[in-house]
């Protein structure tokens, strides 16, 4: 097997409806602007929120492992926002310029998100609080640290610069309009690249580095791409090696 640690992400998804529908309830296409931040269970920001998650080739902060404490400190991530941001539009839009238009939940019309997120608040998918502290307590994250985090973020918004994570200046807005809200997020995977090693003839290679008789593979299952997901390149890879595999398989002599 090769490339088993290779995967491609989309934007974060909201955990509760994703579990309910067994598919991703993906956030708006990044970069989003407005009065919101991403934090971990310790109430601390851990990434520039304005960065697009989809097709990102760098380290994924949410999956960072803390060896000293044997944990993933940024999992699960949370989104904290205020009343102004709530009214901007649905957290999970039905139509978008991004890949959300292709998600299973939207294509199959499993659920239509309310325009002002009010129905999702009633369902308990989005947690409401009169104060930042109350939101933190309801989410069971560090309330004192979250209050401090929001205060620092608001101060930096006033200055128009984010020295912590260099979030895009035009995306910065103070989190100050009550009530306040929080939602638990989860990672949102598009695909994986891992699978059986195969050669230029699409033959699957065994542990002895020799082709396994009559076994072929093509496409993303054992893609020849390594840690980089190549976007549309997966389609021509599947087409080209599917054709190669089909031709070679058709030429095989049946076992007697």
Protein backbone atom coordinates (compact mmCIF):
# COMPACT_ATOMS: atom_id res chain seq x y z
CA UNK A 1 0.00 0.00 0.00
CA UNK A 2 1.10 3.59 -0.51
CA UNK A 3 -0.05 7.16 0.20
CA UNK A 4 -2.31 5.94 3.00
CA UNK A 5 -1.86 9.18 4.95
CA UNK A 6 -2.88 11.36 1.99
CA UNK A 7 -6.27 13.04 2.02
CA UNK A 8 -7.99 16.19 0.81
CA UNK A 9 -10.13 18.48 2.94
CA UNK A 10 -12.95 20.92 2.36
CA UNK A 11 -14.02 23.64 4.76
CA UNK A 12 -15.06 22.61 8.24
CA UNK A 13 -18.48 21.00 8.59
CA UNK A 14 -20.97 21.43 11.41
CA UNK A 15 -20.85 18.24 13.47
CA UNK A 16 -24.46 17.72 14.63
CA UNK A 17 -26.21 17.73 11.21
CA UNK A 18 -23.26 15.93 9.61
CA UNK A 19 -23.76 13.05 12.04
CA UNK A 20 -27.52 13.16 11.59
CA UNK A 21 -27.44 12.95 7.78
CA UNK A 22 -24.24 10.88 7.54
CA UNK A 23 -22.70 13.45 5.21
CA UNK A 24 -21.02 16.83 5.54
CA UNK A 25 -22.92 19.98 6.43
CA UNK A 26 -20.15 22.18 5.08
CA UNK A 27 -19.62 25.79 6.15
CA UNK A 28 -19.69 28.67 3.69
CA UNK A 29 -16.91 28.77 1.15
CA UNK A 30 -13.83 30.45 2.60
CA UNK A 31 -12.70 33.08 3.06
CA UNK A 32 -15.65 34.24 5.14
CA UNK A 33 -15.60 37.75 6.53
CA UNK A 34 -17.22 38.96 9.69
CA UNK A 35 -17.42 38.63 13.44
CA UNK A 36 -16.40 35.02 14.04
CA UNK A 37 -13.37 32.98 15.08
CA UNK A 38 -12.33 29.32 15.28
CA UNK A 39 -11.16 28.09 18.69
CA UNK A 40 -10.27 24.82 20.40
CA UNK A 41 -11.57 23.33 23.64
CA UNK A 42 -9.14 25.54 25.53
CA UNK A 43 -10.85 28.64 24.14
CA UNK A 44 -7.82 29.57 22.03
CA UNK A 45 -7.61 30.44 18.35
CA UNK A 46 -5.33 28.12 16.40
CA UNK A 47 -5.40 29.25 12.74
CA UNK A 48 -6.14 32.18 10.42
CA UNK A 49 -9.89 31.81 9.87
CA UNK A 50 -9.79 33.55 6.51
CA UNK A 51 -7.66 30.83 4.93
CA UNK A 52 -9.41 28.43 2.59
CA UNK A 53 -9.33 24.84 3.80
CA UNK A 54 -10.12 23.20 0.47
CA UNK A 55 -7.08 22.15 -1.60
CA UNK A 56 -4.77 23.61 1.03
CA UNK A 57 -1.30 22.06 0.83
CA UNK A 58 0.13 23.06 4.20
CA UNK A 59 -0.14 21.61 7.67
CA UNK A 60 -3.69 21.25 9.01
CA UNK A 61 -3.72 22.84 12.47
CA UNK A 62 -6.87 21.00 13.53
CA UNK A 63 -5.05 17.67 13.16
CA UNK A 64 -1.89 18.76 15.02
CA UNK A 65 -0.87 16.21 17.65
CA UNK A 66 0.56 17.39 20.97
CA UNK A 67 3.10 14.71 21.93
CA UNK A 68 3.73 16.19 25.38
CA UNK A 69 0.09 15.77 26.37
CA UNK A 70 -0.79 12.90 24.00
CA UNK A 71 -3.80 14.66 22.49
CA UNK A 72 -5.13 16.56 19.50
CA UNK A 73 -5.66 19.93 21.23
CA UNK A 74 -7.55 21.50 18.32
CA UNK A 75 -10.06 18.70 17.90
CA UNK A 76 -12.87 19.32 17.92
CA UNK A 77 -12.73 22.89 16.62
CA UNK A 78 -15.50 25.36 17.47
CA UNK A 79 -16.84 28.41 15.68
CA UNK A 80 -17.77 31.41 17.83
CA UNK A 81 -19.78 34.32 16.39
CA UNK A 82 -22.22 37.08 17.27
CA UNK A 83 -25.70 38.23 16.29
CA UNK A 84 -24.40 40.35 13.42
CA UNK A 85 -22.72 37.34 11.82
CA UNK A 86 -25.79 35.16 12.40
CA UNK A 87 -27.87 37.55 10.31
CA UNK A 88 -25.37 37.58 7.42
CA UNK A 89 -26.77 34.36 6.03
CA UNK A 90 -26.92 30.59 6.47
CA UNK A 91 -23.83 28.89 7.86
CA UNK A 92 -24.48 26.08 5.36
CA UNK A 93 -25.68 27.78 2.17
CA UNK A 94 -27.72 25.98 -0.45
CA UNK A 95 -25.91 27.75 -3.25
CA UNK A 96 -22.32 28.95 -3.24
CA UNK A 97 -19.47 29.66 -5.63
CA UNK A 98 -17.52 26.95 -3.88
CA UNK A 99 -17.69 23.12 -3.84
CA UNK A 100 -20.56 23.16 -1.33
CA UNK A 101 -22.93 23.02 -4.31
CA UNK A 102 -21.62 19.48 -4.85
CA UNK A 103 -22.09 18.14 -1.34
CA UNK A 104 -24.35 15.14 -0.89
CA UNK A 105 -26.69 16.92 1.52
CA UNK A 106 -27.38 19.76 -0.91
CA UNK A 107 -27.53 17.76 -4.14
CA UNK A 108 -29.95 15.26 -2.60
CA UNK A 109 -31.92 17.98 -0.77
CA UNK A 110 -31.62 16.28 2.60
CA UNK A 111 -32.00 19.55 4.45
CA UNK A 112 -32.43 23.25 3.62
CA UNK A 113 -30.65 25.55 6.04
CA UNK A 114 -32.62 28.54 7.30
CA UNK A 115 -31.56 31.93 5.95
CA UNK A 116 -30.90 33.40 9.41
CA UNK A 117 -29.78 30.18 11.16
CA UNK A 118 -32.74 30.46 13.55
CA UNK A 119 -34.14 26.98 12.90
CA UNK A 120 -30.76 25.42 13.59
CA UNK A 121 -30.55 27.29 16.90
CA UNK A 122 -33.92 25.81 17.85
CA UNK A 123 -32.65 22.34 16.92
CA UNK A 124 -29.65 22.79 19.21
CA UNK A 125 -27.11 22.52 16.41
CA UNK A 126 -26.02 26.09 17.14
CA UNK A 127 -25.58 26.99 20.81
CA UNK A 128 -26.80 30.40 21.99
CA UNK A 129 -25.73 32.46 25.00
CA UNK A 130 -26.30 35.98 26.29
CA UNK A 131 -22.56 36.30 26.91
CA UNK A 132 -19.37 34.77 25.55
CA UNK A 133 -18.88 33.05 28.89
CA UNK A 134 -22.31 31.46 28.69
CA UNK A 135 -21.63 30.15 25.19
CA UNK A 136 -18.33 28.67 26.39
CA UNK A 137 -19.98 26.99 29.37
CA UNK A 138 -22.72 25.54 27.16
CA UNK A 139 -20.08 24.16 24.79
CA UNK A 140 -17.95 22.93 27.71
CA UNK A 141 -14.85 24.79 26.62
CA UNK A 142 -12.58 27.00 28.75
CA UNK A 143 -14.79 30.02 29.48
CA UNK A 144 -12.14 32.29 31.00
CA UNK A 145 -9.73 31.72 28.12
CA UNK A 146 -12.43 32.21 25.49
CA UNK A 147 -13.44 35.56 27.00
CA UNK A 148 -9.77 36.61 26.88
CA UNK A 149 -9.42 35.35 23.32
CA UNK A 150 -12.42 37.35 22.12
CA UNK A 151 -11.14 40.48 23.90
CA UNK A 152 -7.74 40.18 22.22
CA UNK A 153 -9.36 39.50 18.85
CA UNK A 154 -11.63 42.54 19.18
CA UNK A 155 -8.68 44.76 20.06
CA UNK A 156 -6.79 43.56 17.00
CA UNK A 157 -9.86 44.12 14.83
CA UNK A 158 -9.91 47.72 16.06
CA UNK A 159 -6.28 48.05 14.94
CA UNK A 160 -7.07 46.38 11.61
CA UNK A 161 -4.31 43.80 12.00
CA UNK A 162 -4.18 40.24 13.36
CA UNK A 163 -0.66 39.75 14.79
CA UNK A 164 -1.52 36.23 16.04
CA UNK A 165 -2.41 34.57 12.73
CA UNK A 166 -2.33 37.26 10.03
CA UNK A 167 -5.97 36.85 9.15
CA UNK A 168 -6.91 38.95 6.13
CA UNK A 169 -7.52 42.53 7.34
CA UNK A 170 -10.72 42.97 5.34
CA UNK A 171 -12.20 39.87 7.01
CA UNK A 172 -11.79 41.22 10.55
CA UNK A 173 -14.89 42.29 12.50
CA UNK A 174 -15.35 42.64 16.24
CA UNK A 175 -17.40 39.98 18.03
CA UNK A 176 -19.54 42.33 20.08
CA UNK A 177 -23.26 42.09 19.20
CA UNK A 178 -25.22 39.91 21.67
CA UNK A 179 -26.49 37.29 21.85
CA UNK A 180 -23.51 35.14 20.98
CA UNK A 181 -23.29 31.71 19.39
CA UNK A 182 -21.05 28.69 19.13
CA UNK A 183 -21.07 25.52 17.09
CA UNK A 184 -18.97 22.37 17.21
CA UNK A 185 -17.22 21.63 13.93
CA UNK A 186 -15.54 18.61 12.37
CA UNK A 187 -13.13 17.90 9.56
CA UNK A 188 -14.65 17.51 6.13
CA UNK A 189 -12.82 15.11 3.82
CA UNK A 190 -13.26 15.16 0.04
CA UNK A 191 -11.26 12.04 -0.74
CA UNK A 192 -8.27 9.90 0.10
CA UNK A 193 -5.36 8.96 -2.16
CA UNK A 194 -4.20 5.77 -0.49
CA UNK A 195 -4.49 2.25 -1.79
CA UNK A 196 -2.52 -0.53 -3.50
CA UNK A 197 0.69 0.28 -5.32
CA UNK A 198 0.40 -0.29 -9.06
CA UNK A 199 2.74 0.04 -12.00
CA UNK A 200 2.45 1.72 -15.40
CA UNK A 201 0.35 -1.22 -16.64
CA UNK A 202 -2.07 -0.68 -13.71
CA UNK A 203 -0.99 -4.02 -12.22
CA UNK A 204 -1.18 -4.15 -8.43
CA UNK A 205 2.22 -4.85 -6.87
CA UNK A 206 2.54 -7.40 -4.09
CA UNK A 207 4.83 -7.49 -1.05
CA UNK A 208 7.53 -9.19 -3.15
CA UNK A 209 7.54 -6.17 -5.52
CA UNK A 210 6.11 -8.33 -8.30
CA UNK A 211 2.70 -7.85 -10.01
CA UNK A 212 -0.13 -9.86 -8.49
CA UNK A 213 -1.56 -11.94 -11.35
CA UNK A 214 -4.75 -10.59 -12.92
CA UNK A 215 -5.21 -7.80 -10.32
CA UNK A 216 -5.46 -4.19 -11.51
CA UNK A 217 -6.17 -0.81 -9.94
CA UNK A 218 -6.87 2.66 -11.30
CA UNK A 219 -7.88 6.09 -10.05
CA UNK A 220 -7.89 7.43 -6.50
CA UNK A 221 -7.67 3.94 -4.93
CA UNK A 222 -3.89 3.91 -4.80
CA UNK A 223 -3.45 7.13 -6.77
CA UNK A 224 0.09 7.77 -7.95
CA UNK A 225 -0.19 11.26 -6.50
CA UNK A 226 1.49 11.53 -3.12
CA UNK A 227 0.61 14.03 -0.40
CA UNK A 228 -0.91 16.47 -2.89
CA UNK A 229 -4.47 16.16 -4.12
CA UNK A 230 -4.35 17.39 -7.70
CA UNK A 231 -7.94 18.55 -8.10
CA UNK A 232 -9.21 17.70 -11.59
CA UNK A 233 -6.11 15.64 -12.27
CA UNK A 234 -7.75 12.70 -10.51
CA UNK A 235 -10.25 12.46 -13.36
CA UNK A 236 -7.72 12.02 -16.19
CA UNK A 237 -5.76 9.65 -13.93
CA UNK A 238 -8.84 7.48 -13.52
CA UNK A 239 -9.66 7.66 -17.22
CA UNK A 240 -6.12 6.95 -18.44
CA UNK A 241 -5.28 4.14 -16.04
CA UNK A 242 -8.79 2.74 -16.20
CA UNK A 243 -8.31 2.36 -19.94
CA UNK A 244 -4.84 0.82 -19.46
CA UNK A 245 -6.15 -1.57 -16.81
CA UNK A 246 -9.13 -2.54 -18.94
CA UNK A 247 -7.03 -3.29 -22.00
CA UNK A 248 -4.48 -5.33 -20.07
CA UNK A 249 -7.15 -7.23 -18.16
CA UNK A 250 -8.95 -8.05 -21.41
CA UNK A 251 -5.74 -9.59 -22.77
CA UNK A 252 -5.33 -11.92 -19.80
CA UNK A 253 -5.61 -15.63 -20.45
CA UNK A 254 -8.23 -17.22 -18.15
CA UNK A 255 -7.05 -19.63 -15.50
CA UNK A 256 -7.92 -23.25 -16.28
